[in-house]
Structure formats: C-alpha cells, structure tokens
Amino acid sequence: MPNWIDVAPAGETSAEGHACVSVEIDGKALPLIVFNVNGSPHVMANVCPHAGLPLGDGERSGLTITCPYHGYTYRITDGQDLDDPEFGEPAKTYPTRIENGRVQIQIESD
C-alpha cells in the first residue's frame, strides 16, 4: 500500500539548488536529494547507481546532476542515465508532492 512520508520543508532548496536529507523508514536511513525545479519538488535517492556513492555531492546544472566520483549524469525529473540511456541504470526517483508546507515522497509499504 502506498504511503506518503515527510522528507523536508517545502522551501528547503532554491530554484536551482538541491539539499541532501535523510529519513528513517522501518529503522533504516534513506538518503535522499531534494530538488526544486521551477517551484516543483523532485526527490531522488542520494545513491549513484553506478558505484553506490553519494550522488548529492555532485553538481547540478538545470535538470541534471553529475556524480562527482565518476562523472555519470542523471536527469533530476526521472533519474534517467544520460550518458548511457539505453543500458545505464537510472537513479531512483520518488513520486513527490507538497502537503502542509512539507515535501513528501510516496513509498510502498508492506
């Protein structure tokens, strides 16, 4: 069953910025990156699919973030690997909304 959880205040990031946050789900930390894209929130796992390193340490440029460790570039809105779109693994993204001034993500729960 889908579940919505709070991850950050709605104003956490500027229009071209991003913020790294962590939430706890079932006793486990879930590292996330919160993006503001023209006033709309987008949330991605703070884990590069290539090597499991923190993607949020990378540089954002418009709708992309580039992993600082190996240079892979991902689209913020859907996690698509832009360097190898056919075979590259996308970064994990989450359905996102703003509710009561908070950015929330939708997760599946048991």
PDB file of N, CA and C in Angstrom:
ATOM      1  N   MET A   1       0.833  -1.177   0.000  1.00  0.00           N
ATOM      2  CA  MET A   1       0.000   0.000   0.000  1.00  0.00           C
ATOM      3  C   MET A   1       0.885   1.250   0.000  1.00  0.00           C
ATOM      4  N   PRO A   2       0.600   2.229  -0.860  1.00  0.00           N
ATOM      5  CA  PRO A   2       1.424   3.447  -0.905  1.00  0.00           C
ATOM      6  C   PRO A   2       1.285   4.259   0.378  1.00  0.00           C
ATOM      7  N   ASN A   3       2.373   4.885   0.751  1.00  0.00           N
ATOM      8  CA  ASN A   3       2.446   5.672   1.962  1.00  0.00           C
ATOM      9  C   ASN A   3       3.199   6.965   1.660  1.00  0.00           C
ATOM     10  N   TRP A   4       2.733   8.113   2.142  1.00  0.00           N
ATOM     11  CA  TRP A   4       3.432   9.383   1.947  1.00  0.00           C
ATOM     12  C   TRP A   4       4.186   9.722   3.224  1.00  0.00           C
ATOM     13  N   ILE A   5       5.470  10.087   3.088  1.00  0.00           N
ATOM     14  CA  ILE A   5       6.268  10.467   4.257  1.00  0.00           C
ATOM     15  C   ILE A   5       6.922  11.824   4.018  1.00  0.00           C
ATOM     16  N   ASP A   6       7.059  12.597   5.094  1.00  0.00           N
ATOM     17  CA  ASP A   6       7.727  13.898   5.047  1.00  0.00           C
ATOM     18  C   ASP A   6       9.226  13.715   4.868  1.00  0.00           C
ATOM     19  N   VAL A   7       9.821  14.556   4.001  1.00  0.00           N
ATOM     20  CA  VAL A   7      11.275  14.494   3.839  1.00  0.00           C
ATOM     21  C   VAL A   7      11.964  15.829   4.094  1.00  0.00           C
ATOM     22  N   ALA A   8      11.240  16.962   3.904  1.00  0.00           N
ATOM     23  CA  ALA A   8      11.886  18.265   4.077  1.00  0.00           C
ATOM     24  C   ALA A   8      10.843  19.371   4.036  1.00  0.00           C
ATOM     25  N   PRO A   9      11.182  20.550   4.577  1.00  0.00           N
ATOM     26  CA  PRO A   9      10.298  21.703   4.401  1.00  0.00           C
ATOM     27  C   PRO A   9      10.210  22.057   2.916  1.00  0.00           C
ATOM     28  N   ALA A  10       9.070  22.579   2.479  1.00  0.00           N
ATOM     29  CA  ALA A  10       8.870  22.898   1.065  1.00  0.00           C
ATOM     30  C   ALA A  10       9.888  23.907   0.551  1.00  0.00           C
ATOM     31  N   GLY A  11      10.373  24.816   1.366  1.00  0.00           N
ATOM     32  CA  GLY A  11      11.343  25.818   0.928  1.00  0.00           C
ATOM     33  C   GLY A  11      12.784  25.421   1.164  1.00  0.00           C
ATOM     34  N   GLU A  12      13.062  24.145   1.263  1.00  0.00           N
ATOM     35  CA  GLU A  12      14.397  23.638   1.595  1.00  0.00           C
ATOM     36  C   GLU A  12      15.470  24.045   0.579  1.00  0.00           C
ATOM     37  N   THR A  13      15.099  24.168  -0.696  1.00  0.00           N
ATOM     38  CA  THR A  13      16.100  24.474  -1.725  1.00  0.00           C
ATOM     39  C   THR A  13      15.689  25.689  -2.538  1.00  0.00           C
ATOM     40  N   SER A  14      16.696  26.337  -3.111  1.00  0.00           N
ATOM     41  CA  SER A  14      16.444  27.442  -4.030  1.00  0.00           C
ATOM     42  C   SER A  14      16.027  26.877  -5.388  1.00  0.00           C
ATOM     43  N   ALA A  15      15.678  27.754  -6.307  1.00  0.00           N
ATOM     44  CA  ALA A  15      15.172  27.323  -7.619  1.00  0.00           C
ATOM     45  C   ALA A  15      16.164  26.462  -8.394  1.00  0.00           C
ATOM     46  N   GLU A  16      17.438  26.647  -8.207  1.00  0.00           N
ATOM     47  CA  GLU A  16      18.424  25.847  -8.940  1.00  0.00           C
ATOM     48  C   GLU A  16      19.288  25.004  -8.017  1.00  0.00           C
ATOM     49  N   GLY A  17      18.870  24.867  -6.762  1.00  0.00           N
ATOM     50  CA  GLY A  17      19.687  24.141  -5.801  1.00  0.00           C
ATOM     51  C   GLY A  17      19.185  22.740  -5.515  1.00  0.00           C
ATOM     52  N   HIS A  18      19.848  22.115  -4.575  1.00  0.00           N
ATOM     53  CA  HIS A  18      19.420  20.824  -4.071  1.00  0.00           C
ATOM     54  C   HIS A  18      19.908  20.675  -2.636  1.00  0.00           C
ATOM     55  N   ALA A  19      19.229  19.833  -1.887  1.00  0.00           N
ATOM     56  CA  ALA A  19      19.593  19.587  -0.497  1.00  0.00           C
ATOM     57  C   ALA A  19      19.619  18.088  -0.244  1.00  0.00           C
ATOM     58  N   CYS A  20      20.616  17.660   0.498  1.00  0.00           N
ATOM     59  CA  CYS A  20      20.720  16.256   0.879  1.00  0.00           C
ATOM     60  C   CYS A  20      20.072  16.086   2.252  1.00  0.00           C
ATOM     61  N   VAL A  21      19.168  15.129   2.349  1.00  0.00           N
ATOM     62  CA  VAL A  21      18.469  14.845   3.597  1.00  0.00           C
ATOM     63  C   VAL A  21      18.461  13.336   3.804  1.00  0.00           C
ATOM     64  N   SER A  22      18.086  12.936   5.006  1.00  0.00           N
ATOM     65  CA  SER A  22      17.954  11.515   5.293  1.00  0.00           C
ATOM     66  C   SER A  22      16.701  11.334   6.137  1.00  0.00           C
ATOM     67  N   VAL A  23      15.911  10.337   5.804  1.00  0.00           N
ATOM     68  CA  VAL A  23      14.731   9.998   6.594  1.00  0.00           C
ATOM     69  C   VAL A  23      14.864   8.554   7.047  1.00  0.00           C
ATOM     70  N   GLU A  24      14.191   8.240   8.124  1.00  0.00           N
ATOM     71  CA  GLU A  24      14.230   6.875   8.631  1.00  0.00           C
ATOM     72  C   GLU A  24      12.936   6.156   8.275  1.00  0.00           C
ATOM     73  N   ILE A  25      13.083   4.999   7.666  1.00  0.00           N
ATOM     74  CA  ILE A  25      11.936   4.166   7.311  1.00  0.00           C
ATOM     75  C   ILE A  25      12.200   2.765   7.841  1.00  0.00           C
ATOM     76  N   ASP A  26      11.311   2.311   8.686  1.00  0.00           N
ATOM     77  CA  ASP A  26      11.437   0.977   9.295  1.00  0.00           C
ATOM     78  C   ASP A  26      12.805   0.775   9.934  1.00  0.00           C
ATOM     79  N   GLY A  27      13.307   1.825  10.607  1.00  0.00           N
ATOM     80  CA  GLY A  27      14.579   1.737  11.314  1.00  0.00           C
ATOM     81  C   GLY A  27      15.814   1.858  10.448  1.00  0.00           C
ATOM     82  N   LYS A  28      15.634   2.142   9.151  1.00  0.00           N
ATOM     83  CA  LYS A  28      16.778   2.274   8.244  1.00  0.00           C
ATOM     84  C   LYS A  28      16.816   3.673   7.655  1.00  0.00           C
ATOM     85  N   ALA A  29      18.020   4.213   7.554  1.00  0.00           N
ATOM     86  CA  ALA A  29      18.190   5.535   6.958  1.00  0.00           C
ATOM     87  C   ALA A  29      18.008   5.455   5.445  1.00  0.00           C
ATOM     88  N   LEU A  30      17.269   6.413   4.904  1.00  0.00           N
ATOM     89  CA  LEU A  30      17.076   6.519   3.462  1.00  0.00           C
ATOM     90  C   LEU A  30      17.648   7.867   3.028  1.00  0.00           C
ATOM     91  N   PRO A  31      18.846   7.869   2.404  1.00  0.00           N
ATOM     92  CA  PRO A  31      19.453   9.129   1.968  1.00  0.00           C
ATOM     93  C   PRO A  31      18.791   9.623   0.683  1.00  0.00           C
ATOM     94  N   LEU A  32      18.431  10.907   0.673  1.00  0.00           N
ATOM     95  CA  LEU A  32      17.691  11.491  -0.441  1.00  0.00           C
ATOM     96  C   LEU A  32      18.290  12.818  -0.868  1.00  0.00           C
ATOM     97  N   ILE A  33      17.962  13.223  -2.098  1.00  0.00           N
ATOM     98  CA  ILE A  33      18.274  14.563  -2.592  1.00  0.00           C
ATOM     99  C   ILE A  33      16.948  15.217  -2.944  1.00  0.00           C
ATOM    100  N   VAL A  34      16.733  16.425  -2.420  1.00  0.00           N
ATOM    101  CA  VAL A  34      15.521  17.182  -2.710  1.00  0.00           C
ATOM    102  C   VAL A  34      15.899  18.298  -3.677  1.00  0.00           C
ATOM    103  N   PHE A  35      15.204  18.361  -4.809  1.00  0.00           N
ATOM    104  CA  PHE A  35      15.440  19.372  -5.832  1.00  0.00           C
ATOM    105  C   PHE A  35      14.229  20.283  -5.956  1.00  0.00           C
ATOM    106  N   ASN A  36      14.465  21.518  -6.340  1.00  0.00           N
ATOM    107  CA  ASN A  36      13.407  22.454  -6.681  1.00  0.00           C
ATOM    108  C   ASN A  36      13.554  22.706  -8.176  1.00  0.00           C
ATOM    109  N   VAL A  37      12.555  22.336  -8.951  1.00  0.00           N
ATOM    110  CA  VAL A  37      12.569  22.559 -10.397  1.00  0.00           C
ATOM    111  C   VAL A  37      11.406  23.480 -10.729  1.00  0.00           C
ATOM    112  N   ASN A  38      11.720  24.750 -10.926  1.00  0.00           N
ATOM    113  CA  ASN A  38      10.693  25.759 -11.226  1.00  0.00           C
ATOM    114  C   ASN A  38       9.551  25.739 -10.215  1.00  0.00           C
ATOM    115  N   GLY A  39       9.894  25.609  -8.948  1.00  0.00           N
ATOM    116  CA  GLY A  39       8.897  25.628  -7.890  1.00  0.00           C
ATOM    117  C   GLY A  39       8.285  24.284  -7.551  1.00  0.00           C
ATOM    118  N   SER A  40       8.610  23.253  -8.306  1.00  0.00           N
ATOM    119  CA  SER A  40       8.081  21.910  -8.039  1.00  0.00           C
ATOM    120  C   SER A  40       9.175  21.030  -7.434  1.00  0.00           C
ATOM    121  N   PRO A  41       8.825  20.271  -6.395  1.00  0.00           N
ATOM    122  CA  PRO A  41       9.832  19.404  -5.786  1.00  0.00           C
ATOM    123  C   PRO A  41      10.031  18.117  -6.585  1.00  0.00           C
ATOM    124  N   HIS A  42      11.256  17.652  -6.581  1.00  0.00           N
ATOM    125  CA  HIS A  42      11.608  16.343  -7.123  1.00  0.00           C
ATOM    126  C   HIS A  42      12.557  15.717  -6.121  1.00  0.00           C
ATOM    127  N   VAL A  43      12.423  14.417  -5.898  1.00  0.00           N
ATOM    128  CA  VAL A  43      13.262  13.730  -4.918  1.00  0.00           C
ATOM    129  C   VAL A  43      13.864  12.486  -5.560  1.00  0.00           C
ATOM    130  N   MET A  44      15.154  12.323  -5.308  1.00  0.00           N
ATOM    131  CA  MET A  44      15.933  11.218  -5.867  1.00  0.00           C
ATOM    132  C   MET A  44      16.733  10.588  -4.722  1.00  0.00           C
ATOM    133  N   ALA A  45      16.995   9.306  -4.823  1.00  0.00           N
ATOM    134  CA  ALA A  45      17.875   8.652  -3.852  1.00  0.00           C
ATOM    135  C   ALA A  45      19.268   9.262  -3.958  1.00  0.00           C
ATOM    136  N   ASN A  46      19.900   9.467  -2.829  1.00  0.00           N
ATOM    137  CA  ASN A  46      21.259  10.029  -2.814  1.00  0.00           C
ATOM    138  C   ASN A  46      22.281   8.907  -2.940  1.00  0.00           C
ATOM    139  N   VAL A  47      22.093   8.108  -3.983  1.00  0.00           N
ATOM    140  CA  VAL A  47      22.976   6.970  -4.255  1.00  0.00           C
ATOM    141  C   VAL A  47      23.145   6.871  -5.765  1.00  0.00           C
ATOM    142  N   CYS A  48      24.371   6.993  -6.244  1.00  0.00           N
ATOM    143  CA  CYS A  48      24.634   6.836  -7.670  1.00  0.00           C
ATOM    144  C   CYS A  48      24.501   5.349  -8.030  1.00  0.00           C
ATOM    145  N   PRO A  49      23.687   5.015  -9.021  1.00  0.00           N
ATOM    146  CA  PRO A  49      23.514   3.612  -9.393  1.00  0.00           C
ATOM    147  C   PRO A  49      24.809   2.953  -9.871  1.00  0.00           C
ATOM    148  N   HIS A  50      25.747   3.731 -10.357  1.00  0.00           N
ATOM    149  CA  HIS A  50      26.992   3.184 -10.895  1.00  0.00           C
ATOM    150  C   HIS A  50      27.842   2.523  -9.819  1.00  0.00           C
ATOM    151  N   ALA A  51      28.092   3.243  -8.704  1.00  0.00           N
ATOM    152  CA  ALA A  51      29.000   2.691  -7.699  1.00  0.00           C
ATOM    153  C   ALA A  51      28.497   2.852  -6.268  1.00  0.00           C
ATOM    154  N   GLY A  52      27.268   3.333  -6.084  1.00  0.00           N
ATOM    155  CA  GLY A  52      26.701   3.439  -4.751  1.00  0.00           C
ATOM    156  C   GLY A  52      27.201   4.602  -3.917  1.00  0.00           C
ATOM    157  N   LEU A  53      27.873   5.542  -4.543  1.00  0.00           N
ATOM    158  CA  LEU A  53      28.409   6.699  -3.823  1.00  0.00           C
ATOM    159  C   LEU A  53      27.383   7.829  -3.795  1.00  0.00           C
ATOM    160  N   PRO A  54      27.570   8.829  -2.908  1.00  0.00           N
ATOM    161  CA  PRO A  54      26.593   9.914  -2.771  1.00  0.00           C
ATOM    162  C   PRO A  54      26.494  10.800  -4.015  1.00  0.00           C
ATOM    163  N   LEU A  55      25.406  10.702  -4.703  1.00  0.00           N
ATOM    164  CA  LEU A  55      25.153  11.495  -5.900  1.00  0.00           C
ATOM    165  C   LEU A  55      24.941  12.965  -5.551  1.00  0.00           C
ATOM    166  N   GLY A  56      24.407  13.234  -4.356  1.00  0.00           N
ATOM    167  CA  GLY A  56      24.115  14.601  -3.930  1.00  0.00           C
ATOM    168  C   GLY A  56      25.336  15.471  -3.731  1.00  0.00           C
ATOM    169  N   ASP A  57      26.530  14.876  -3.704  1.00  0.00           N
ATOM    170  CA  ASP A  57      27.766  15.663  -3.620  1.00  0.00           C
ATOM    171  C   ASP A  57      28.114  16.282  -4.968  1.00  0.00           C
ATOM    172  N   GLY A  58      27.370  15.908  -5.998  1.00  0.00           N
ATOM    173  CA  GLY A  58      27.663  16.361  -7.356  1.00  0.00           C
ATOM    174  C   GLY A  58      27.118  17.737  -7.671  1.00  0.00           C
ATOM    175  N   GLU A  59      27.410  18.181  -8.874  1.00  0.00           N
ATOM    176  CA  GLU A  59      26.998  19.497  -9.334  1.00  0.00           C
ATOM    177  C   GLU A  59      25.697  19.401 -10.115  1.00  0.00           C
ATOM    178  N   ARG A  60      24.789  20.310  -9.796  1.00  0.00           N
ATOM    179  CA  ARG A  60      23.529  20.396 -10.526  1.00  0.00           C
ATOM    180  C   ARG A  60      23.663  21.437 -11.622  1.00  0.00           C
ATOM    181  N   SER A  61      23.109  21.104 -12.778  1.00  0.00           N
ATOM    182  CA  SER A  61      23.044  22.046 -13.886  1.00  0.00           C
ATOM    183  C   SER A  61      21.668  21.891 -14.532  1.00  0.00           C
ATOM    184  N   GLY A  62      20.771  22.836 -14.274  1.00  0.00           N
ATOM    185  CA  GLY A  62      19.421  22.756 -14.833  1.00  0.00           C
ATOM    186  C   GLY A  62      18.701  21.526 -14.340  1.00  0.00           C
ATOM    187  N   LEU A  63      18.374  20.611 -15.260  1.00  0.00           N
ATOM    188  CA  LEU A  63      17.631  19.401 -14.909  1.00  0.00           C
ATOM    189  C   LEU A  63      18.518  18.176 -14.737  1.00  0.00           C
ATOM    190  N   THR A  64      19.821  18.401 -14.543  1.00  0.00           N
ATOM    191  CA  THR A  64      20.724  17.257 -14.380  1.00  0.00           C
ATOM    192  C   THR A  64      21.581  17.404 -13.132  1.00  0.00           C
ATOM    193  N   ILE A  65      22.036  16.261 -12.640  1.00  0.00           N
ATOM    194  CA  ILE A  65      23.043  16.230 -11.589  1.00  0.00           C
ATOM    195  C   ILE A  65      24.126  15.260 -12.048  1.00  0.00           C
ATOM    196  N   THR A  66      25.375  15.649 -11.825  1.00  0.00           N
ATOM    197  CA  THR A  66      26.512  14.848 -12.259  1.00  0.00           C
ATOM    198  C   THR A  66      27.221  14.274 -11.040  1.00  0.00           C
ATOM    199  N   CYS A  67      27.419  12.972 -11.043  1.00  0.00           N
ATOM    200  CA  CYS A  67      28.115  12.303  -9.949  1.00  0.00           C
ATOM    201  C   CYS A  67      29.551  12.825  -9.884  1.00  0.00           C
ATOM    202  N   PRO A  68      30.003  13.271  -8.706  1.00  0.00           N
ATOM    203  CA  PRO A  68      31.346  13.835  -8.597  1.00  0.00           C
ATOM    204  C   PRO A  68      32.453  12.790  -8.645  1.00  0.00           C
ATOM    205  N   TYR A  69      32.117  11.529  -8.535  1.00  0.00           N
ATOM    206  CA  TYR A  69      33.126  10.486  -8.443  1.00  0.00           C
ATOM    207  C   TYR A  69      33.509   9.898  -9.794  1.00  0.00           C
ATOM    208  N   HIS A  70      32.540   9.661 -10.670  1.00  0.00           N
ATOM    209  CA  HIS A  70      32.841   9.048 -11.958  1.00  0.00           C
ATOM    210  C   HIS A  70      32.220   9.789 -13.133  1.00  0.00           C
ATOM    211  N   GLY A  71      31.519  10.901 -12.867  1.00  0.00           N
ATOM    212  CA  GLY A  71      31.030  11.767 -13.931  1.00  0.00           C
ATOM    213  C   GLY A  71      29.735  11.362 -14.617  1.00  0.00           C
ATOM    214  N   TYR A  72      29.045  10.353 -14.103  1.00  0.00           N
ATOM    215  CA  TYR A  72      27.771   9.979 -14.711  1.00  0.00           C
ATOM    216  C   TYR A  72      26.747  11.087 -14.461  1.00  0.00           C
ATOM    217  N   THR A  73      25.911  11.362 -15.466  1.00  0.00           N
ATOM    218  CA  THR A  73      24.920  12.435 -15.379  1.00  0.00           C
ATOM    219  C   THR A  73      23.520  11.844 -15.409  1.00  0.00           C
ATOM    220  N   TYR A  74      22.670  12.328 -14.511  1.00  0.00           N
ATOM    221  CA  TYR A  74      21.304  11.824 -14.376  1.00  0.00           C
ATOM    222  C   TYR A  74      20.298  12.973 -14.472  1.00  0.00           C
ATOM    223  N   ARG A  75      19.168  12.702 -15.111  1.00  0.00           N
ATOM    224  CA  ARG A  75      18.097  13.686 -15.198  1.00  0.00           C
ATOM    225  C   ARG A  75      17.327  13.683 -13.882  1.00  0.00           C
ATOM    226  N   ILE A  76      17.148  14.856 -13.301  1.00  0.00           N
ATOM    227  CA  ILE A  76      16.508  15.013 -11.996  1.00  0.00           C
ATOM    228  C   ILE A  76      15.065  14.531 -12.001  1.00  0.00           C
ATOM    229  N   THR A  77      14.334  14.783 -13.056  1.00  0.00           N
ATOM    230  CA  THR A  77      12.898  14.512 -13.058  1.00  0.00           C
ATOM    231  C   THR A  77      12.534  13.027 -13.121  1.00  0.00           C
ATOM    232  N   ASP A  78      13.399  12.201 -13.707  1.00  0.00           N
ATOM    233  CA  ASP A  78      13.066  10.775 -13.811  1.00  0.00           C
ATOM    234  C   ASP A  78      14.243   9.837 -13.535  1.00  0.00           C
ATOM    235  N   GLY A  79      15.413  10.378 -13.198  1.00  0.00           N
ATOM    236  CA  GLY A  79      16.570   9.560 -12.855  1.00  0.00           C
ATOM    237  C   GLY A  79      17.311   8.954 -14.036  1.00  0.00           C
ATOM    238  N   GLN A  80      16.880   9.257 -15.259  1.00  0.00           N
ATOM    239  CA  GLN A  80      17.487   8.659 -16.461  1.00  0.00           C
ATOM    240  C   GLN A  80      18.993   8.906 -16.516  1.00  0.00           C
ATOM    241  N   ASP A  81      19.753   7.851 -16.781  1.00  0.00           N
ATOM    242  CA  ASP A  81      21.197   7.949 -17.017  1.00  0.00           C
ATOM    243  C   ASP A  81      21.374   8.570 -18.397  1.00  0.00           C
ATOM    244  N   LEU A  82      21.882   9.790 -18.460  1.00  0.00           N
ATOM    245  CA  LEU A  82      22.005  10.488 -19.740  1.00  0.00           C
ATOM    246  C   LEU A  82      23.262  10.114 -20.506  1.00  0.00           C
ATOM    247  N   ASP A  83      24.203   9.451 -19.858  1.00  0.00           N
ATOM    248  CA  ASP A  83      25.425   9.027 -20.541  1.00  0.00           C
ATOM    249  C   ASP A  83      25.217   7.730 -21.301  1.00  0.00           C
ATOM    250  N   ASP A  84      24.350   6.882 -20.818  1.00  0.00           N
ATOM    251  CA  ASP A  84      24.076   5.599 -21.450  1.00  0.00           C
ATOM    252  C   ASP A  84      22.588   5.277 -21.288  1.00  0.00           C
ATOM    253  N   PRO A  85      21.710   6.070 -21.956  1.00  0.00           N
ATOM    254  CA  PRO A  85      20.267   5.928 -21.720  1.00  0.00           C
ATOM    255  C   PRO A  85      19.692   4.554 -22.039  1.00  0.00           C
ATOM    256  N   GLU A  86      20.321   3.836 -22.952  1.00  0.00           N
ATOM    257  CA  GLU A  86      19.783   2.527 -23.334  1.00  0.00           C
ATOM    258  C   GLU A  86      20.118   1.443 -22.313  1.00  0.00           C
ATOM    259  N   PHE A  87      21.324   1.503 -21.745  1.00  0.00           N
ATOM    260  CA  PHE A  87      21.765   0.424 -20.866  1.00  0.00           C
ATOM    261  C   PHE A  87      22.062   0.859 -19.437  1.00  0.00           C
ATOM    262  N   GLY A  88      22.253   2.156 -19.207  1.00  0.00           N
ATOM    263  CA  GLY A  88      22.580   2.631 -17.867  1.00  0.00           C
ATOM    264  C   GLY A  88      21.396   2.517 -16.922  1.00  0.00           C
ATOM    265  N   GLU A  89      21.682   2.210 -15.684  1.00  0.00           N
ATOM    266  CA  GLU A  89      20.630   2.085 -14.676  1.00  0.00           C
ATOM    267  C   GLU A  89      20.221   3.481 -14.215  1.00  0.00           C
ATOM    268  N   PRO A  90      18.921   3.781 -14.172  1.00  0.00           N
ATOM    269  CA  PRO A  90      18.501   5.106 -13.707  1.00  0.00           C
ATOM    270  C   PRO A  90      18.679   5.251 -12.197  1.00  0.00           C
ATOM    271  N   ALA A  91      18.819   6.491 -11.763  1.00  0.00           N
ATOM    272  CA  ALA A  91      18.810   6.780 -10.333  1.00  0.00           C
ATOM    273  C   ALA A  91      17.372   6.647  -9.841  1.00  0.00           C
ATOM    274  N   LYS A  92      17.205   6.202  -8.627  1.00  0.00           N
ATOM    275  CA  LYS A  92      15.869   6.008  -8.046  1.00  0.00           C
ATOM    276  C   LYS A  92      15.226   7.365  -7.779  1.00  0.00           C
ATOM    277  N   THR A  93      14.019   7.572  -8.299  1.00  0.00           N
ATOM    278  CA  THR A  93      13.235   8.774  -8.017  1.00  0.00           C
ATOM    279  C   THR A  93      11.940   8.358  -7.326  1.00  0.00           C
ATOM    280  N   TYR A  94      11.292   9.317  -6.712  1.00  0.00           N
ATOM    281  CA  TYR A  94      10.078   9.043  -5.943  1.00  0.00           C
ATOM    282  C   TYR A  94       8.947   9.964  -6.372  1.00  0.00           C
ATOM    283  N   PRO A  95       7.701   9.462  -6.392  1.00  0.00           N
ATOM    284  CA  PRO A  95       6.565  10.363  -6.552  1.00  0.00           C
ATOM    285  C   PRO A  95       6.627  11.388  -5.410  1.00  0.00           C
ATOM    286  N   THR A  96       6.410  12.634  -5.731  1.00  0.00           N
ATOM    287  CA  THR A  96       6.635  13.718  -4.778  1.00  0.00           C
ATOM    288  C   THR A  96       5.463  14.694  -4.789  1.00  0.00           C
ATOM    289  N   ARG A  97       5.176  15.253  -3.622  1.00  0.00           N
ATOM    290  CA  ARG A  97       4.140  16.280  -3.513  1.00  0.00           C
ATOM    291  C   ARG A  97       4.495  17.218  -2.359  1.00  0.00           C
ATOM    292  N   ILE A  98       3.781  18.348  -2.297  1.00  0.00           N
ATOM    293  CA  ILE A  98       3.868  19.238  -1.148  1.00  0.00           C
ATOM    294  C   ILE A  98       2.547  19.155  -0.407  1.00  0.00           C
ATOM    295  N   GLU A  99       2.640  18.896   0.886  1.00  0.00           N
ATOM    296  CA  GLU A  99       1.454  18.783   1.735  1.00  0.00           C
ATOM    297  C   GLU A  99       1.743  19.507   3.050  1.00  0.00           C
ATOM    298  N   ASN A 100       0.900  20.490   3.386  1.00  0.00           N
ATOM    299  CA  ASN A 100       1.069  21.255   4.622  1.00  0.00           C
ATOM    300  C   ASN A 100       2.469  21.851   4.758  1.00  0.00           C
ATOM    301  N   GLY A 101       3.002  22.382   3.651  1.00  0.00           N
ATOM    302  CA  GLY A 101       4.305  23.030   3.675  1.00  0.00           C
ATOM    303  C   GLY A 101       5.489  22.092   3.748  1.00  0.00           C
ATOM    304  N   ARG A 102       5.259  20.812   3.520  1.00  0.00           N
ATOM    305  CA  ARG A 102       6.333  19.815   3.579  1.00  0.00           C
ATOM    306  C   ARG A 102       6.421  19.057   2.262  1.00  0.00           C
ATOM    307  N   VAL A 103       7.653  18.780   1.829  1.00  0.00           N
ATOM    308  CA  VAL A 103       7.859  17.894   0.685  1.00  0.00           C
ATOM    309  C   VAL A 103       7.675  16.475   1.197  1.00  0.00           C
ATOM    310  N   GLN A 104       6.874  15.705   0.469  1.00  0.00           N
ATOM    311  CA  GLN A 104       6.633  14.308   0.821  1.00  0.00           C
ATOM    312  C   GLN A 104       6.945  13.417  -0.376  1.00  0.00           C
ATOM    313  N   ILE A 105       7.377  12.192  -0.067  1.00  0.00           N
ATOM    314  CA  ILE A 105       7.566  11.182  -1.108  1.00  0.00           C
ATOM    315  C   ILE A 105       6.630  10.021  -0.832  1.00  0.00           C
ATOM    316  N   GLN A 106       6.291   9.339  -1.910  1.00  0.00           N
ATOM    317  CA  GLN A 106       5.443   8.160  -1.794  1.00  0.00           C
ATOM    318  C   GLN A 106       6.332   6.918  -1.809  1.00  0.00           C
ATOM    319  N   ILE A 107       6.143   6.076  -0.826  1.00  0.00           N
ATOM    320  CA  ILE A 107       6.884   4.820  -0.772  1.00  0.00           C
ATOM    321  C   ILE A 107       5.888   3.677  -0.658  1.00  0.00           C
ATOM    322  N   GLU A 108       6.316   2.522  -1.042  1.00  0.00           N
ATOM    323  CA  GLU A 108       5.489   1.331  -0.895  1.00  0.00           C
ATOM    324  C   GLU A 108       5.774   0.734   0.480  1.00  0.00           C
ATOM    325  N   SER A 109       4.727   0.375   1.181  1.00  0.00           N
ATOM    326  CA  SER A 109       4.906  -0.272   2.486  1.00  0.00           C
ATOM    327  C   SER A 109       4.235  -1.636   2.452  1.00  0.00           C
ATOM    328  N   ASP A 110       4.677  -2.498   3.339  1.00  0.00           N
ATOM    329  CA  ASP A 110       4.140  -3.865   3.392  1.00  0.00           C
ATOM    330  C   ASP A 110       2.742  -3.892   3.926  1.00  0.00           C
TER     331      ASP A 110
END
